Amino acid sequence: MELCQTYPWPGNIRELQNIIERSVILCSGETFWIDEAWLTIEVQPSQPDLSAPLTETLQNQEKEIIEAALAASGGRVAGPNGAAAKLGIPRSTLDSKIKQLKIRKHKYAPEPQ
């Protein structure tokens, strides 16, 4: 009971319902129990900076996502392993976004050996 009362229930009533259903199915005997492993606390994404205008906030988030895709693809924009494919957008769209956001895609290219 203490576990249920201290858990923040981020999934609200649906999460509570799922936990109770799981417990009823898995409990043998008359004792109702909840395994602590069922109550996973997910890390909440950081809150956006609400002091900045919305367009600036969106551009910053878009830039971070594109830079992460470029890092994961070794600076490649096109091709099956390129950032555009990872993001699910056309290469030309990504090229435009890179120019618009002033991203230096070459800094994500692997160093020559």
C-alpha atoms as a PDB file:
ATOM      1  CA  MET A   1       0.000   0.000   0.000  1.00  0.00           C
ATOM      2  CA  GLU A   2       2.857   2.366   0.860  1.00  0.00           C
ATOM      3  CA  LEU A   3       4.429   1.734  -2.564  1.00  0.00           C
ATOM      4  CA  CYS A   4       1.183   2.735  -4.300  1.00  0.00           C
ATOM      5  CA  GLN A   5       0.803   5.870  -2.212  1.00  0.00           C
ATOM      6  CA  THR A   6       4.346   7.149  -2.769  1.00  0.00           C
ATOM      7  CA  TYR A   7       4.483   6.434  -6.502  1.00  0.00           C
ATOM      8  CA  PRO A   8       3.732   9.610  -8.575  1.00  0.00           C
ATOM      9  CA  TRP A   9       1.573   7.754 -11.183  1.00  0.00           C
ATOM     10  CA  PRO A  10       2.754   9.659 -14.264  1.00  0.00           C
ATOM     11  CA  GLY A  11       0.500   7.501 -16.452  1.00  0.00           C
ATOM     12  CA  ASN A  12      -2.477   8.497 -14.319  1.00  0.00           C
ATOM     13  CA  ILE A  13      -5.444   6.131 -13.974  1.00  0.00           C
ATOM     14  CA  ARG A  14      -4.467   3.924 -16.925  1.00  0.00           C
ATOM     15  CA  GLU A  15      -1.140   3.072 -15.346  1.00  0.00           C
ATOM     16  CA  LEU A  16      -2.821   2.298 -12.029  1.00  0.00           C
ATOM     17  CA  GLN A  17      -5.354   0.100 -13.812  1.00  0.00           C
ATOM     18  CA  ASN A  18      -2.596  -1.807 -15.632  1.00  0.00           C
ATOM     19  CA  ILE A  19      -0.668  -2.405 -12.406  1.00  0.00           C
ATOM     20  CA  ILE A  20      -3.766  -3.690 -10.604  1.00  0.00           C
ATOM     21  CA  GLU A  21      -4.680  -5.981 -13.504  1.00  0.00           C
ATOM     22  CA  ARG A  22      -1.135  -7.355 -13.641  1.00  0.00           C
ATOM     23  CA  SER A  23      -1.147  -7.977  -9.909  1.00  0.00           C
ATOM     24  CA  VAL A  24      -4.507  -9.766  -9.978  1.00  0.00           C
ATOM     25  CA  ILE A  25      -3.288 -12.021 -12.786  1.00  0.00           C
ATOM     26  CA  LEU A  26       0.102 -12.808 -11.241  1.00  0.00           C
ATOM     27  CA  CYS A  27      -0.773 -13.016  -7.540  1.00  0.00           C
ATOM     28  CA  SER A  28      -1.230 -16.523  -6.269  1.00  0.00           C
ATOM     29  CA  GLY A  29      -3.234 -16.822  -3.120  1.00  0.00           C
ATOM     30  CA  GLU A  30      -5.200 -14.161  -1.312  1.00  0.00           C
ATOM     31  CA  THR A  31      -2.440 -11.587  -0.814  1.00  0.00           C
ATOM     32  CA  PHE A  32      -2.455  -8.675  -3.234  1.00  0.00           C
ATOM     33  CA  TRP A  33       1.080  -7.503  -4.055  1.00  0.00           C
ATOM     34  CA  ILE A  34       2.838  -5.219  -6.510  1.00  0.00           C
ATOM     35  CA  ASP A  35       6.377  -5.770  -7.696  1.00  0.00           C
ATOM     36  CA  GLU A  36       8.385  -2.541  -7.400  1.00  0.00           C
ATOM     37  CA  ALA A  37       9.926  -3.247 -10.824  1.00  0.00           C
ATOM     38  CA  TRP A  38       6.502  -2.668 -12.409  1.00  0.00           C
ATOM     39  CA  LEU A  39       6.597   0.932 -11.264  1.00  0.00           C
ATOM     40  CA  THR A  40       9.219   2.422 -13.518  1.00  0.00           C
ATOM     41  CA  ILE A  41       9.902   6.083 -13.200  1.00  0.00           C
ATOM     42  CA  GLU A  42      10.851   7.458 -16.593  1.00  0.00           C
ATOM     43  CA  VAL A  43      13.166  10.412 -16.821  1.00  0.00           C
ATOM     44  CA  GLN A  44      11.101  13.387 -17.862  1.00  0.00           C
ATOM     45  CA  PRO A  45      12.491  15.431 -20.734  1.00  0.00           C
ATOM     46  CA  SER A  46      13.847  18.798 -19.729  1.00  0.00           C
ATOM     47  CA  GLN A  47      11.312  21.570 -19.681  1.00  0.00           C
ATOM     48  CA  PRO A  48      11.609  24.013 -22.568  1.00  0.00           C
ATOM     49  CA  ASP A  49      12.861  27.501 -21.910  1.00  0.00           C
ATOM     50  CA  LEU A  50       9.612  29.450 -21.764  1.00  0.00           C
ATOM     51  CA  SER A  51      11.388  32.783 -21.447  1.00  0.00           C
ATOM     52  CA  ALA A  52      12.377  32.632 -25.129  1.00  0.00           C
ATOM     53  CA  PRO A  53       9.885  33.183 -27.964  1.00  0.00           C
ATOM     54  CA  LEU A  54       8.284  30.020 -29.323  1.00  0.00           C
ATOM     55  CA  THR A  55       9.980  30.237 -32.714  1.00  0.00           C
ATOM     56  CA  GLU A  56      13.407  30.504 -31.070  1.00  0.00           C
ATOM     57  CA  THR A  57      12.672  27.565 -28.777  1.00  0.00           C
ATOM     58  CA  LEU A  58      11.484  25.432 -31.700  1.00  0.00           C
ATOM     59  CA  GLN A  59      14.529  26.345 -33.773  1.00  0.00           C
ATOM     60  CA  ASN A  60      16.843  25.399 -30.902  1.00  0.00           C
ATOM     61  CA  GLN A  61      15.130  22.041 -30.477  1.00  0.00           C
ATOM     62  CA  GLU A  62      15.183  21.416 -34.231  1.00  0.00           C
ATOM     63  CA  LYS A  63      18.891  22.285 -34.336  1.00  0.00           C
ATOM     64  CA  GLU A  64      19.641  19.845 -31.496  1.00  0.00           C
ATOM     65  CA  ILE A  65      17.744  17.036 -33.248  1.00  0.00           C
ATOM     66  CA  ILE A  66      19.483  17.655 -36.574  1.00  0.00           C
ATOM     67  CA  GLU A  67      22.900  17.846 -34.913  1.00  0.00           C
ATOM     68  CA  ALA A  68      22.239  14.551 -33.111  1.00  0.00           C
ATOM     69  CA  ALA A  69      21.270  12.909 -36.418  1.00  0.00           C
ATOM     70  CA  LEU A  70      24.393  14.292 -38.088  1.00  0.00           C
ATOM     71  CA  ALA A  71      26.552  13.000 -35.236  1.00  0.00           C
ATOM     72  CA  ALA A  72      24.926   9.567 -35.488  1.00  0.00           C
ATOM     73  CA  SER A  73      25.493   9.473 -39.251  1.00  0.00           C
ATOM     74  CA  GLY A  74      29.082  10.727 -39.154  1.00  0.00           C
ATOM     75  CA  GLY A  75      28.186  14.009 -40.824  1.00  0.00           C
ATOM     76  CA  ARG A  76      26.485  12.348 -43.817  1.00  0.00           C
ATOM     77  CA  VAL A  77      23.290  14.020 -44.947  1.00  0.00           C
ATOM     78  CA  ALA A  78      22.197  11.739 -47.803  1.00  0.00           C
ATOM     79  CA  GLY A  79      22.081   7.997 -48.356  1.00  0.00           C
ATOM     80  CA  PRO A  80      20.488   5.148 -46.421  1.00  0.00           C
ATOM     81  CA  ASN A  81      22.649   5.834 -43.354  1.00  0.00           C
ATOM     82  CA  GLY A  82      22.537   9.625 -43.661  1.00  0.00           C
ATOM     83  CA  ALA A  83      20.924  12.076 -41.279  1.00  0.00           C
ATOM     84  CA  ALA A  84      17.997  12.739 -43.643  1.00  0.00           C
ATOM     85  CA  ALA A  85      17.067   9.042 -43.644  1.00  0.00           C
ATOM     86  CA  LYS A  86      17.370   8.898 -39.834  1.00  0.00           C
ATOM     87  CA  LEU A  87      15.056  11.893 -39.547  1.00  0.00           C
ATOM     88  CA  GLY A  88      12.653  10.631 -42.215  1.00  0.00           C
ATOM     89  CA  ILE A  89      12.862  13.781 -44.324  1.00  0.00           C
ATOM     90  CA  PRO A  90      14.128  14.462 -47.864  1.00  0.00           C
ATOM     91  CA  ARG A  91      17.802  15.351 -48.257  1.00  0.00           C
ATOM     92  CA  SER A  92      16.907  18.697 -49.840  1.00  0.00           C
ATOM     93  CA  THR A  93      14.758  19.621 -46.822  1.00  0.00           C
ATOM     94  CA  LEU A  94      17.558  18.749 -44.435  1.00  0.00           C
ATOM     95  CA  ASP A  95      20.069  20.743 -46.513  1.00  0.00           C
ATOM     96  CA  SER A  96      17.751  23.768 -46.290  1.00  0.00           C
ATOM     97  CA  LYS A  97      17.359  23.354 -42.530  1.00  0.00           C
ATOM     98  CA  ILE A  98      21.138  23.049 -42.092  1.00  0.00           C
ATOM     99  CA  LYS A  99      21.634  26.346 -43.947  1.00  0.00           C
ATOM    100  CA  GLN A 100      18.753  28.070 -42.157  1.00  0.00           C
ATOM    101  CA  LEU A 101      19.976  27.002 -38.702  1.00  0.00           C
ATOM    102  CA  LYS A 102      23.647  27.659 -39.578  1.00  0.00           C
ATOM    103  CA  ILE A 103      24.728  24.139 -38.656  1.00  0.00           C
ATOM    104  CA  ARG A 104      28.301  23.215 -39.560  1.00  0.00           C
ATOM    105  CA  LYS A 105      27.731  19.652 -40.755  1.00  0.00           C
ATOM    106  CA  HIS A 106      31.429  19.093 -41.444  1.00  0.00           C
ATOM    107  CA  LYS A 107      32.260  19.126 -37.753  1.00  0.00           C
ATOM    108  CA  TYR A 108      30.351  15.831 -37.447  1.00  0.00           C
ATOM    109  CA  ALA A 109      32.373  14.088 -40.181  1.00  0.00           C
ATOM    110  CA  PRO A 110      34.861  11.480 -38.936  1.00  0.00           C
ATOM    111  CA  GLU A 111      38.471  12.584 -38.740  1.00  0.00           C
ATOM    112  CA  PRO A 112      40.613  11.337 -41.660  1.00  0.00           C
ATOM    113  CA  GLN A 113      43.148   8.719 -40.585  1.00  0.00           C
END
